[in-house]
Amino acid sequence: MSHPREALDDLLQNSVRLSIMGALSAAEEVEFAYLRDVLSVSDSVLSRQLSQLEDAGYVHIRKGYVGKRPRTWLAITGLGQEVLARHMHALQEIVNFSARS
């Protein structure tokens, strides 16, 4: 019997990336600045973590303008939703596994 931790997603082991995914799962789309402020991280930290999530296909990044000001919007992908759900299930299984022991 394998331990439930083996089902955890490596990318979501990072607390900032997990926080990003959690925040994005609660909305259709989120503006970069809003997410930065909610997570209390710097622009560079958020950008780095988003790049890794985008490369994995978990997050979609859309750039555009509001008037003449550039804006960035973020959304979780279908794959991202699935991975987050599996990761959260694995965390719950770890708690349950530990309680049975």
PDB file of N, CA and C in Angstrom:
ATOM      1  N   MET A   1       0.855  -1.185   0.000  1.00  0.00           N
ATOM      2  CA  MET A   1       0.000   0.000   0.000  1.00  0.00           C
ATOM      3  C   MET A   1       0.896   1.243   0.000  1.00  0.00           C
ATOM      4  N   SER A   2       0.673   2.147  -0.925  1.00  0.00           N
ATOM      5  CA  SER A   2       1.484   3.365  -0.987  1.00  0.00           C
ATOM      6  C   SER A   2       0.886   4.439  -0.079  1.00  0.00           C
ATOM      7  N   HIS A   3       1.739   5.345   0.326  1.00  0.00           N
ATOM      8  CA  HIS A   3       1.300   6.444   1.185  1.00  0.00           C
ATOM      9  C   HIS A   3       0.625   7.506   0.318  1.00  0.00           C
ATOM     10  N   PRO A   4      -0.429   8.157   0.826  1.00  0.00           N
ATOM     11  CA  PRO A   4      -1.152   9.179   0.056  1.00  0.00           C
ATOM     12  C   PRO A   4      -0.279  10.353  -0.404  1.00  0.00           C
ATOM     13  N   ARG A   5       0.851  10.599   0.256  1.00  0.00           N
ATOM     14  CA  ARG A   5       1.702  11.733  -0.135  1.00  0.00           C
ATOM     15  C   ARG A   5       2.222  11.581  -1.562  1.00  0.00           C
ATOM     16  N   GLU A   6       2.250  10.354  -2.055  1.00  0.00           N
ATOM     17  CA  GLU A   6       2.733  10.114  -3.417  1.00  0.00           C
ATOM     18  C   GLU A   6       1.806  10.716  -4.473  1.00  0.00           C
ATOM     19  N   ALA A   7       0.576  11.043  -4.088  1.00  0.00           N
ATOM     20  CA  ALA A   7      -0.377  11.664  -5.011  1.00  0.00           C
ATOM     21  C   ALA A   7      -0.287  13.190  -5.018  1.00  0.00           C
ATOM     22  N   LEU A   8       0.550  13.761  -4.144  1.00  0.00           N
ATOM     23  CA  LEU A   8       0.697  15.215  -4.117  1.00  0.00           C
ATOM     24  C   LEU A   8       1.401  15.696  -5.377  1.00  0.00           C
ATOM     25  N   ASP A   9       1.003  16.849  -5.866  1.00  0.00           N
ATOM     26  CA  ASP A   9       1.630  17.448  -7.042  1.00  0.00           C
ATOM     27  C   ASP A   9       2.859  18.245  -6.593  1.00  0.00           C
ATOM     28  N   ASP A  10       3.993  17.964  -7.203  1.00  0.00           N
ATOM     29  CA  ASP A  10       5.241  18.626  -6.806  1.00  0.00           C
ATOM     30  C   ASP A  10       5.166  20.147  -6.918  1.00  0.00           C
ATOM     31  N   LEU A  11       4.551  20.656  -7.983  1.00  0.00           N
ATOM     32  CA  LEU A  11       4.471  22.112  -8.149  1.00  0.00           C
ATOM     33  C   LEU A  11       3.657  22.772  -7.040  1.00  0.00           C
ATOM     34  N   LEU A  12       2.671  22.067  -6.542  1.00  0.00           N
ATOM     35  CA  LEU A  12       1.798  22.658  -5.525  1.00  0.00           C
ATOM     36  C   LEU A  12       2.336  22.483  -4.110  1.00  0.00           C
ATOM     37  N   GLN A  13       3.532  21.939  -3.973  1.00  0.00           N
ATOM     38  CA  GLN A  13       4.168  21.840  -2.657  1.00  0.00           C
ATOM     39  C   GLN A  13       4.636  23.212  -2.173  1.00  0.00           C
ATOM     40  N   ASN A  14       4.822  24.143  -3.104  1.00  0.00           N
ATOM     41  CA  ASN A  14       5.219  25.505  -2.772  1.00  0.00           C
ATOM     42  C   ASN A  14       3.983  26.263  -2.283  1.00  0.00           C
ATOM     43  N   SER A  15       4.091  26.923  -1.125  1.00  0.00           N
ATOM     44  CA  SER A  15       2.926  27.578  -0.527  1.00  0.00           C
ATOM     45  C   SER A  15       2.375  28.723  -1.378  1.00  0.00           C
ATOM     46  N   VAL A  16       3.229  29.451  -2.072  1.00  0.00           N
ATOM     47  CA  VAL A  16       2.737  30.547  -2.917  1.00  0.00           C
ATOM     48  C   VAL A  16       1.970  29.981  -4.109  1.00  0.00           C
ATOM     49  N   ARG A  17       2.520  28.942  -4.748  1.00  0.00           N
ATOM     50  CA  ARG A  17       1.809  28.346  -5.892  1.00  0.00           C
ATOM     51  C   ARG A  17       0.487  27.730  -5.460  1.00  0.00           C
ATOM     52  N   LEU A  18       0.463  27.080  -4.309  1.00  0.00           N
ATOM     53  CA  LEU A  18      -0.793  26.516  -3.808  1.00  0.00           C
ATOM     54  C   LEU A  18      -1.796  27.635  -3.514  1.00  0.00           C
ATOM     55  N   SER A  19      -1.322  28.737  -2.951  1.00  0.00           N
ATOM     56  CA  SER A  19      -2.197  29.882  -2.671  1.00  0.00           C
ATOM     57  C   SER A  19      -2.747  30.488  -3.955  1.00  0.00           C
ATOM     58  N   ILE A  20      -1.911  30.577  -4.980  1.00  0.00           N
ATOM     59  CA  ILE A  20      -2.359  31.084  -6.281  1.00  0.00           C
ATOM     60  C   ILE A  20      -3.480  30.212  -6.817  1.00  0.00           C
ATOM     61  N   MET A  21      -3.249  28.912  -6.809  1.00  0.00           N
ATOM     62  CA  MET A  21      -4.247  27.987  -7.356  1.00  0.00           C
ATOM     63  C   MET A  21      -5.549  28.060  -6.570  1.00  0.00           C
ATOM     64  N   GLY A  22      -5.449  28.152  -5.258  1.00  0.00           N
ATOM     65  CA  GLY A  22      -6.655  28.270  -4.439  1.00  0.00           C
ATOM     66  C   GLY A  22      -7.434  29.531  -4.753  1.00  0.00           C
ATOM     67  N   ALA A  23      -6.729  30.639  -4.876  1.00  0.00           N
ATOM     68  CA  ALA A  23      -7.395  31.908  -5.182  1.00  0.00           C
ATOM     69  C   ALA A  23      -8.023  31.879  -6.574  1.00  0.00           C
ATOM     70  N   LEU A  24      -7.315  31.325  -7.543  1.00  0.00           N
ATOM     71  CA  LEU A  24      -7.841  31.292  -8.910  1.00  0.00           C
ATOM     72  C   LEU A  24      -9.014  30.328  -9.050  1.00  0.00           C
ATOM     73  N   SER A  25      -9.049  29.298  -8.220  1.00  0.00           N
ATOM     74  CA  SER A  25     -10.153  28.337  -8.320  1.00  0.00           C
ATOM     75  C   SER A  25     -11.475  28.945  -7.869  1.00  0.00           C
ATOM     76  N   ALA A  26     -11.408  30.050  -7.145  1.00  0.00           N
ATOM     77  CA  ALA A  26     -12.620  30.681  -6.608  1.00  0.00           C
ATOM     78  C   ALA A  26     -13.193  31.756  -7.527  1.00  0.00           C
ATOM     79  N   ALA A  27     -12.540  32.006  -8.673  1.00  0.00           N
ATOM     80  CA  ALA A  27     -12.999  33.076  -9.570  1.00  0.00           C
ATOM     81  C   ALA A  27     -12.792  32.665 -11.020  1.00  0.00           C
ATOM     82  N   GLU A  28     -13.546  33.289 -11.893  1.00  0.00           N
ATOM     83  CA  GLU A  28     -13.377  33.020 -13.319  1.00  0.00           C
ATOM     84  C   GLU A  28     -12.058  33.588 -13.822  1.00  0.00           C
ATOM     85  N   GLU A  29     -11.742  34.796 -13.382  1.00  0.00           N
ATOM     86  CA  GLU A  29     -10.511  35.466 -13.786  1.00  0.00           C
ATOM     87  C   GLU A  29     -10.137  36.477 -12.696  1.00  0.00           C
ATOM     88  N   VAL A  30      -8.832  36.651 -12.475  1.00  0.00           N
ATOM     89  CA  VAL A  30      -8.349  37.548 -11.426  1.00  0.00           C
ATOM     90  C   VAL A  30      -7.270  38.441 -12.020  1.00  0.00           C
ATOM     91  N   GLU A  31      -7.278  39.703 -11.652  1.00  0.00           N
ATOM     92  CA  GLU A  31      -6.238  40.621 -12.115  1.00  0.00           C
ATOM     93  C   GLU A  31      -4.966  40.419 -11.292  1.00  0.00           C
ATOM     94  N   PHE A  32      -3.839  40.517 -11.962  1.00  0.00           N
ATOM     95  CA  PHE A  32      -2.525  40.304 -11.348  1.00  0.00           C
ATOM     96  C   PHE A  32      -2.364  41.118 -10.069  1.00  0.00           C
ATOM     97  N   ALA A  33      -2.632  42.410 -10.132  1.00  0.00           N
ATOM     98  CA  ALA A  33      -2.417  43.291  -8.971  1.00  0.00           C
ATOM     99  C   ALA A  33      -3.286  42.877  -7.788  1.00  0.00           C
ATOM    100  N   TYR A  34      -4.506  42.470  -8.074  1.00  0.00           N
ATOM    101  CA  TYR A  34      -5.400  42.015  -7.002  1.00  0.00           C
ATOM    102  C   TYR A  34      -4.824  40.765  -6.328  1.00  0.00           C
ATOM    103  N   LEU A  35      -4.395  39.803  -7.136  1.00  0.00           N
ATOM    104  CA  LEU A  35      -3.845  38.567  -6.590  1.00  0.00           C
ATOM    105  C   LEU A  35      -2.570  38.836  -5.783  1.00  0.00           C
ATOM    106  N   ARG A  36      -1.726  39.691  -6.315  1.00  0.00           N
ATOM    107  CA  ARG A  36      -0.492  40.081  -5.607  1.00  0.00           C
ATOM    108  C   ARG A  36      -0.820  40.623  -4.220  1.00  0.00           C
ATOM    109  N   ASP A  37      -1.806  41.498  -4.158  1.00  0.00           N
ATOM    110  CA  ASP A  37      -2.169  42.115  -2.885  1.00  0.00           C
ATOM    111  C   ASP A  37      -2.823  41.110  -1.927  1.00  0.00           C
ATOM    112  N   VAL A  38      -3.679  40.262  -2.443  1.00  0.00           N
ATOM    113  CA  VAL A  38      -4.354  39.257  -1.616  1.00  0.00           C
ATOM    114  C   VAL A  38      -3.350  38.281  -1.025  1.00  0.00           C
ATOM    115  N   LEU A  39      -2.359  37.888  -1.819  1.00  0.00           N
ATOM    116  CA  LEU A  39      -1.367  36.913  -1.358  1.00  0.00           C
ATOM    117  C   LEU A  39      -0.211  37.553  -0.601  1.00  0.00           C
ATOM    118  N   SER A  40      -0.142  38.877  -0.595  1.00  0.00           N
ATOM    119  CA  SER A  40       0.936  39.610   0.086  1.00  0.00           C
ATOM    120  C   SER A  40       2.315  39.175  -0.391  1.00  0.00           C
ATOM    121  N   VAL A  41       2.493  39.199  -1.707  1.00  0.00           N
ATOM    122  CA  VAL A  41       3.791  38.877  -2.303  1.00  0.00           C
ATOM    123  C   VAL A  41       4.187  40.008  -3.247  1.00  0.00           C
ATOM    124  N   SER A  42       5.456  40.033  -3.625  1.00  0.00           N
ATOM    125  CA  SER A  42       5.937  41.054  -4.556  1.00  0.00           C
ATOM    126  C   SER A  42       5.567  40.673  -5.994  1.00  0.00           C
ATOM    127  N   ASP A  43       5.654  41.644  -6.886  1.00  0.00           N
ATOM    128  CA  ASP A  43       5.412  41.386  -8.308  1.00  0.00           C
ATOM    129  C   ASP A  43       6.326  40.281  -8.822  1.00  0.00           C
ATOM    130  N   SER A  44       7.604  40.346  -8.457  1.00  0.00           N
ATOM    131  CA  SER A  44       8.565  39.373  -8.988  1.00  0.00           C
ATOM    132  C   SER A  44       8.286  37.961  -8.476  1.00  0.00           C
ATOM    133  N   VAL A  45       7.918  37.832  -7.221  1.00  0.00           N
ATOM    134  CA  VAL A  45       7.595  36.505  -6.676  1.00  0.00           C
ATOM    135  C   VAL A  45       6.378  35.937  -7.385  1.00  0.00           C
ATOM    136  N   LEU A  46       5.338  36.756  -7.523  1.00  0.00           N
ATOM    137  CA  LEU A  46       4.121  36.290  -8.178  1.00  0.00           C
ATOM    138  C   LEU A  46       4.397  35.932  -9.638  1.00  0.00           C
ATOM    139  N   SER A  47       5.141  36.758 -10.342  1.00  0.00           N
ATOM    140  CA  SER A  47       5.470  36.480 -11.747  1.00  0.00           C
ATOM    141  C   SER A  47       6.206  35.156 -11.905  1.00  0.00           C
ATOM    142  N   ARG A  48       7.198  34.936 -11.055  1.00  0.00           N
ATOM    143  CA  ARG A  48       7.989  33.690 -11.129  1.00  0.00           C
ATOM    144  C   ARG A  48       7.116  32.464 -10.909  1.00  0.00           C
ATOM    145  N   GLN A  49       6.272  32.530  -9.902  1.00  0.00           N
ATOM    146  CA  GLN A  49       5.431  31.380  -9.582  1.00  0.00           C
ATOM    147  C   GLN A  49       4.367  31.155 -10.664  1.00  0.00           C
ATOM    148  N   LEU A  50       3.816  32.243 -11.195  1.00  0.00           N
ATOM    149  CA  LEU A  50       2.836  32.118 -12.270  1.00  0.00           C
ATOM    150  C   LEU A  50       3.455  31.518 -13.525  1.00  0.00           C
ATOM    151  N   SER A  51       4.692  31.883 -13.826  1.00  0.00           N
ATOM    152  CA  SER A  51       5.374  31.329 -15.000  1.00  0.00           C
ATOM    153  C   SER A  51       5.485  29.820 -14.890  1.00  0.00           C
ATOM    154  N   GLN A  52       5.815  29.324 -13.718  1.00  0.00           N
ATOM    155  CA  GLN A  52       5.924  27.873 -13.532  1.00  0.00           C
ATOM    156  C   GLN A  52       4.571  27.192 -13.680  1.00  0.00           C
ATOM    157  N   LEU A  53       3.525  27.814 -13.135  1.00  0.00           N
ATOM    158  CA  LEU A  53       2.184  27.248 -13.260  1.00  0.00           C
ATOM    159  C   LEU A  53       1.688  27.297 -14.704  1.00  0.00           C
ATOM    160  N   GLU A  54       2.026  28.371 -15.407  1.00  0.00           N
ATOM    161  CA  GLU A  54       1.630  28.484 -16.813  1.00  0.00           C
ATOM    162  C   GLU A  54       2.372  27.438 -17.653  1.00  0.00           C
ATOM    163  N   ASP A  55       3.661  27.266 -17.406  1.00  0.00           N
ATOM    164  CA  ASP A  55       4.440  26.268 -18.149  1.00  0.00           C
ATOM    165  C   ASP A  55       3.872  24.864 -17.971  1.00  0.00           C
ATOM    166  N   ALA A  56       3.318  24.583 -16.805  1.00  0.00           N
ATOM    167  CA  ALA A  56       2.730  23.275 -16.525  1.00  0.00           C
ATOM    168  C   ALA A  56       1.318  23.145 -17.094  1.00  0.00           C
ATOM    169  N   GLY A  57       0.749  24.262 -17.567  1.00  0.00           N
ATOM    170  CA  GLY A  57      -0.599  24.234 -18.114  1.00  0.00           C
ATOM    171  C   GLY A  57      -1.694  24.388 -17.071  1.00  0.00           C
ATOM    172  N   TYR A  58      -1.321  24.811 -15.863  1.00  0.00           N
ATOM    173  CA  TYR A  58      -2.293  24.944 -14.775  1.00  0.00           C
ATOM    174  C   TYR A  58      -2.985  26.301 -14.760  1.00  0.00           C
ATOM    175  N   VAL A  59      -2.339  27.300 -15.360  1.00  0.00           N
ATOM    176  CA  VAL A  59      -2.841  28.678 -15.329  1.00  0.00           C
ATOM    177  C   VAL A  59      -2.756  29.269 -16.728  1.00  0.00           C
ATOM    178  N   HIS A  60      -3.762  30.070 -17.064  1.00  0.00           N
ATOM    179  CA  HIS A  60      -3.750  30.823 -18.328  1.00  0.00           C
ATOM    180  C   HIS A  60      -3.532  32.294 -17.977  1.00  0.00           C
ATOM    181  N   ILE A  61      -2.588  32.927 -18.672  1.00  0.00           N
ATOM    182  CA  ILE A  61      -2.286  34.340 -18.452  1.00  0.00           C
ATOM    183  C   ILE A  61      -2.690  35.118 -19.695  1.00  0.00           C
ATOM    184  N   ARG A  62      -3.517  36.142 -19.486  1.00  0.00           N
ATOM    185  CA  ARG A  62      -3.991  36.985 -20.588  1.00  0.00           C
ATOM    186  C   ARG A  62      -3.557  38.415 -20.327  1.00  0.00           C
ATOM    187  N   LYS A  63      -2.957  39.017 -21.332  1.00  0.00           N
ATOM    188  CA  LYS A  63      -2.500  40.408 -21.202  1.00  0.00           C
ATOM    189  C   LYS A  63      -3.341  41.293 -22.117  1.00  0.00           C
ATOM    190  N   GLY A  64      -3.576  42.514 -21.648  1.00  0.00           N
ATOM    191  CA  GLY A  64      -4.352  43.459 -22.432  1.00  0.00           C
ATOM    192  C   GLY A  64      -4.217  44.849 -21.837  1.00  0.00           C
ATOM    193  N   TYR A  65      -5.139  45.691 -22.213  1.00  0.00           N
ATOM    194  CA  TYR A  65      -5.116  47.080 -21.745  1.00  0.00           C
ATOM    195  C   TYR A  65      -6.481  47.480 -21.221  1.00  0.00           C
ATOM    196  N   VAL A  66      -6.453  48.340 -20.219  1.00  0.00           N
ATOM    197  CA  VAL A  66      -7.636  49.054 -19.760  1.00  0.00           C
ATOM    198  C   VAL A  66      -7.291  50.507 -20.016  1.00  0.00           C
ATOM    199  N   GLY A  67      -7.911  51.078 -21.034  1.00  0.00           N
ATOM    200  CA  GLY A  67      -7.485  52.394 -21.505  1.00  0.00           C
ATOM    201  C   GLY A  67      -6.084  52.250 -22.073  1.00  0.00           C
ATOM    202  N   LYS A  68      -5.164  53.029 -21.576  1.00  0.00           N
ATOM    203  CA  LYS A  68      -3.781  52.939 -22.034  1.00  0.00           C
ATOM    204  C   LYS A  68      -2.886  52.175 -21.064  1.00  0.00           C
ATOM    205  N   ARG A  69      -3.491  51.651 -20.001  1.00  0.00           N
ATOM    206  CA  ARG A  69      -2.703  50.959 -18.980  1.00  0.00           C
ATOM    207  C   ARG A  69      -2.686  49.450 -19.231  1.00  0.00           C
ATOM    208  N   PRO A  70      -1.494  48.858 -19.243  1.00  0.00           N
ATOM    209  CA  PRO A  70      -1.415  47.401 -19.422  1.00  0.00           C
ATOM    210  C   PRO A  70      -1.957  46.674 -18.191  1.00  0.00           C
ATOM    211  N   ARG A  71      -2.628  45.572 -18.434  1.00  0.00           N
ATOM    212  CA  ARG A  71      -3.184  44.751 -17.359  1.00  0.00           C
ATOM    213  C   ARG A  71      -2.901  43.276 -17.683  1.00  0.00           C
ATOM    214  N   THR A  72      -2.847  42.470 -16.623  1.00  0.00           N
ATOM    215  CA  THR A  72      -2.670  41.033 -16.765  1.00  0.00           C
ATOM    216  C   THR A  72      -3.767  40.343 -15.975  1.00  0.00           C
ATOM    217  N   TRP A  73      -4.457  39.410 -16.632  1.00  0.00           N
ATOM    218  CA  TRP A  73      -5.516  38.644 -15.991  1.00  0.00           C
ATOM    219  C   TRP A  73      -5.102  37.182 -15.951  1.00  0.00           C
ATOM    220  N   LEU A  74      -5.513  36.512 -14.898  1.00  0.00           N
ATOM    221  CA  LEU A  74      -5.109  35.138 -14.648  1.00  0.00           C
ATOM    222  C   LEU A  74      -6.335  34.266 -14.449  1.00  0.00           C
ATOM    223  N   ALA A  75      -6.244  33.038 -14.948  1.00  0.00           N
ATOM    224  CA  ALA A  75      -7.340  32.085 -14.767  1.00  0.00           C
ATOM    225  C   ALA A  75      -6.764  30.685 -14.614  1.00  0.00           C
ATOM    226  N   ILE A  76      -7.413  29.887 -13.808  1.00  0.00           N
ATOM    227  CA  ILE A  76      -7.013  28.493 -13.667  1.00  0.00           C
ATOM    228  C   ILE A  76      -7.575  27.719 -14.857  1.00  0.00           C
ATOM    229  N   THR A  77      -6.819  26.782 -15.382  1.00  0.00           N
ATOM    230  CA  THR A  77      -7.268  25.967 -16.512  1.00  0.00           C
ATOM    231  C   THR A  77      -8.027  24.743 -16.006  1.00  0.00           C
ATOM    232  N   GLY A  78      -8.638  24.016 -16.933  1.00  0.00           N
ATOM    233  CA  GLY A  78      -9.292  22.761 -16.565  1.00  0.00           C
ATOM    234  C   GLY A  78      -8.310  21.788 -15.942  1.00  0.00           C
ATOM    235  N   LEU A  79      -7.133  21.690 -16.546  1.00  0.00           N
ATOM    236  CA  LEU A  79      -6.085  20.831 -15.989  1.00  0.00           C
ATOM    237  C   LEU A  79      -5.710  21.303 -14.588  1.00  0.00           C
ATOM    238  N   GLY A  80      -5.575  22.608 -14.424  1.00  0.00           N
ATOM    239  CA  GLY A  80      -5.232  23.164 -13.118  1.00  0.00           C
ATOM    240  C   GLY A  80      -6.272  22.815 -12.063  1.00  0.00           C
ATOM    241  N   GLN A  81      -7.546  22.888 -12.433  1.00  0.00           N
ATOM    242  CA  GLN A  81      -8.629  22.521 -11.504  1.00  0.00           C
ATOM    243  C   GLN A  81      -8.510  21.060 -11.096  1.00  0.00           C
ATOM    244  N   GLU A  82      -8.243  20.190 -12.077  1.00  0.00           N
ATOM    245  CA  GLU A  82      -8.114  18.757 -11.796  1.00  0.00           C
ATOM    246  C   GLU A  82      -6.929  18.476 -10.872  1.00  0.00           C
ATOM    247  N   VAL A  83      -5.793  19.092 -11.174  1.00  0.00           N
ATOM    248  CA  VAL A  83      -4.588  18.878 -10.367  1.00  0.00           C
ATOM    249  C   VAL A  83      -4.799  19.386  -8.944  1.00  0.00           C
ATOM    250  N   LEU A  84      -5.411  20.554  -8.809  1.00  0.00           N
ATOM    251  CA  LEU A  84      -5.677  21.103  -7.482  1.00  0.00           C
ATOM    252  C   LEU A  84      -6.609  20.184  -6.699  1.00  0.00           C
ATOM    253  N   ALA A  85      -7.646  19.678  -7.337  1.00  0.00           N
ATOM    254  CA  ALA A  85      -8.588  18.778  -6.660  1.00  0.00           C
ATOM    255  C   ALA A  85      -7.877  17.505  -6.192  1.00  0.00           C
ATOM    256  N   ARG A  86      -7.025  16.935  -7.055  1.00  0.00           N
ATOM    257  CA  ARG A  86      -6.278  15.725  -6.672  1.00  0.00           C
ATOM    258  C   ARG A  86      -5.321  16.009  -5.512  1.00  0.00           C
ATOM    259  N   HIS A  87      -4.665  17.172  -5.590  1.00  0.00           N
ATOM    260  CA  HIS A  87      -3.718  17.558  -4.539  1.00  0.00           C
ATOM    261  C   HIS A  87      -4.444  17.717  -3.202  1.00  0.00           C
ATOM    262  N   MET A  88      -5.574  18.394  -3.212  1.00  0.00           N
ATOM    263  CA  MET A  88      -6.334  18.612  -1.985  1.00  0.00           C
ATOM    264  C   MET A  88      -6.874  17.285  -1.438  1.00  0.00           C
ATOM    265  N   HIS A  89      -7.292  16.399  -2.336  1.00  0.00           N
ATOM    266  CA  HIS A  89      -7.758  15.073  -1.915  1.00  0.00           C
ATOM    267  C   HIS A  89      -6.612  14.306  -1.251  1.00  0.00           C
ATOM    268  N   ALA A  90      -5.425  14.392  -1.844  1.00  0.00           N
ATOM    269  CA  ALA A  90      -4.261  13.707  -1.269  1.00  0.00           C
ATOM    270  C   ALA A  90      -3.938  14.261   0.118  1.00  0.00           C
ATOM    271  N   LEU A  91      -4.038  15.577   0.293  1.00  0.00           N
ATOM    272  CA  LEU A  91      -3.806  16.162   1.615  1.00  0.00           C
ATOM    273  C   LEU A  91      -4.803  15.621   2.637  1.00  0.00           C
ATOM    274  N   GLN A  92      -6.055  15.527   2.230  1.00  0.00           N
ATOM    275  CA  GLN A  92      -7.077  14.983   3.142  1.00  0.00           C
ATOM    276  C   GLN A  92      -6.803  13.519   3.447  1.00  0.00           C
ATOM    277  N   GLU A  93      -6.364  12.777   2.450  1.00  0.00           N
ATOM    278  CA  GLU A  93      -6.029  11.369   2.668  1.00  0.00           C
ATOM    279  C   GLU A  93      -4.850  11.212   3.621  1.00  0.00           C
ATOM    280  N   ILE A  94      -3.896  12.131   3.553  1.00  0.00           N
ATOM    281  CA  ILE A  94      -2.773  12.099   4.490  1.00  0.00           C
ATOM    282  C   ILE A  94      -3.275  12.278   5.920  1.00  0.00           C
ATOM    283  N   VAL A  95      -4.180  13.219   6.116  1.00  0.00           N
ATOM    284  CA  VAL A  95      -4.761  13.441   7.443  1.00  0.00           C
ATOM    285  C   VAL A  95      -5.504  12.187   7.888  1.00  0.00           C
ATOM    286  N   ASN A  96      -6.316  11.630   6.999  1.00  0.00           N
ATOM    287  CA  ASN A  96      -7.074  10.426   7.335  1.00  0.00           C
ATOM    288  C   ASN A  96      -6.147   9.236   7.602  1.00  0.00           C
ATOM    289  N   PHE A  97      -5.107   9.093   6.791  1.00  0.00           N
ATOM    290  CA  PHE A  97      -4.138   8.014   6.931  1.00  0.00           C
ATOM    291  C   PHE A  97      -3.452   8.095   8.283  1.00  0.00           C
ATOM    292  N   SER A  98      -3.052   9.308   8.650  1.00  0.00           N
ATOM    293  CA  SER A  98      -2.371   9.512   9.927  1.00  0.00           C
ATOM    294  C   SER A  98      -3.295   9.234  11.107  1.00  0.00           C
ATOM    295  N   ALA A  99      -4.561   9.574  10.956  1.00  0.00           N
ATOM    296  CA  ALA A  99      -5.528   9.352  12.032  1.00  0.00           C
ATOM    297  C   ALA A  99      -5.797   7.862  12.235  1.00  0.00           C
ATOM    298  N   ARG A 100      -5.707   7.066  11.174  1.00  0.00           N
ATOM    299  CA  ARG A 100      -5.932   5.619  11.266  1.00  0.00           C
ATOM    300  C   ARG A 100      -4.744   4.909  11.900  1.00  0.00           C
ATOM    301  N   SER A 101      -3.575   5.499  11.798  1.00  0.00           N
ATOM    302  CA  SER A 101      -2.365   4.820  12.276  1.00  0.00           C
ATOM    303  C   SER A 101      -2.259   4.792  13.776  1.00  0.00           C
TER     304      SER A 101
END
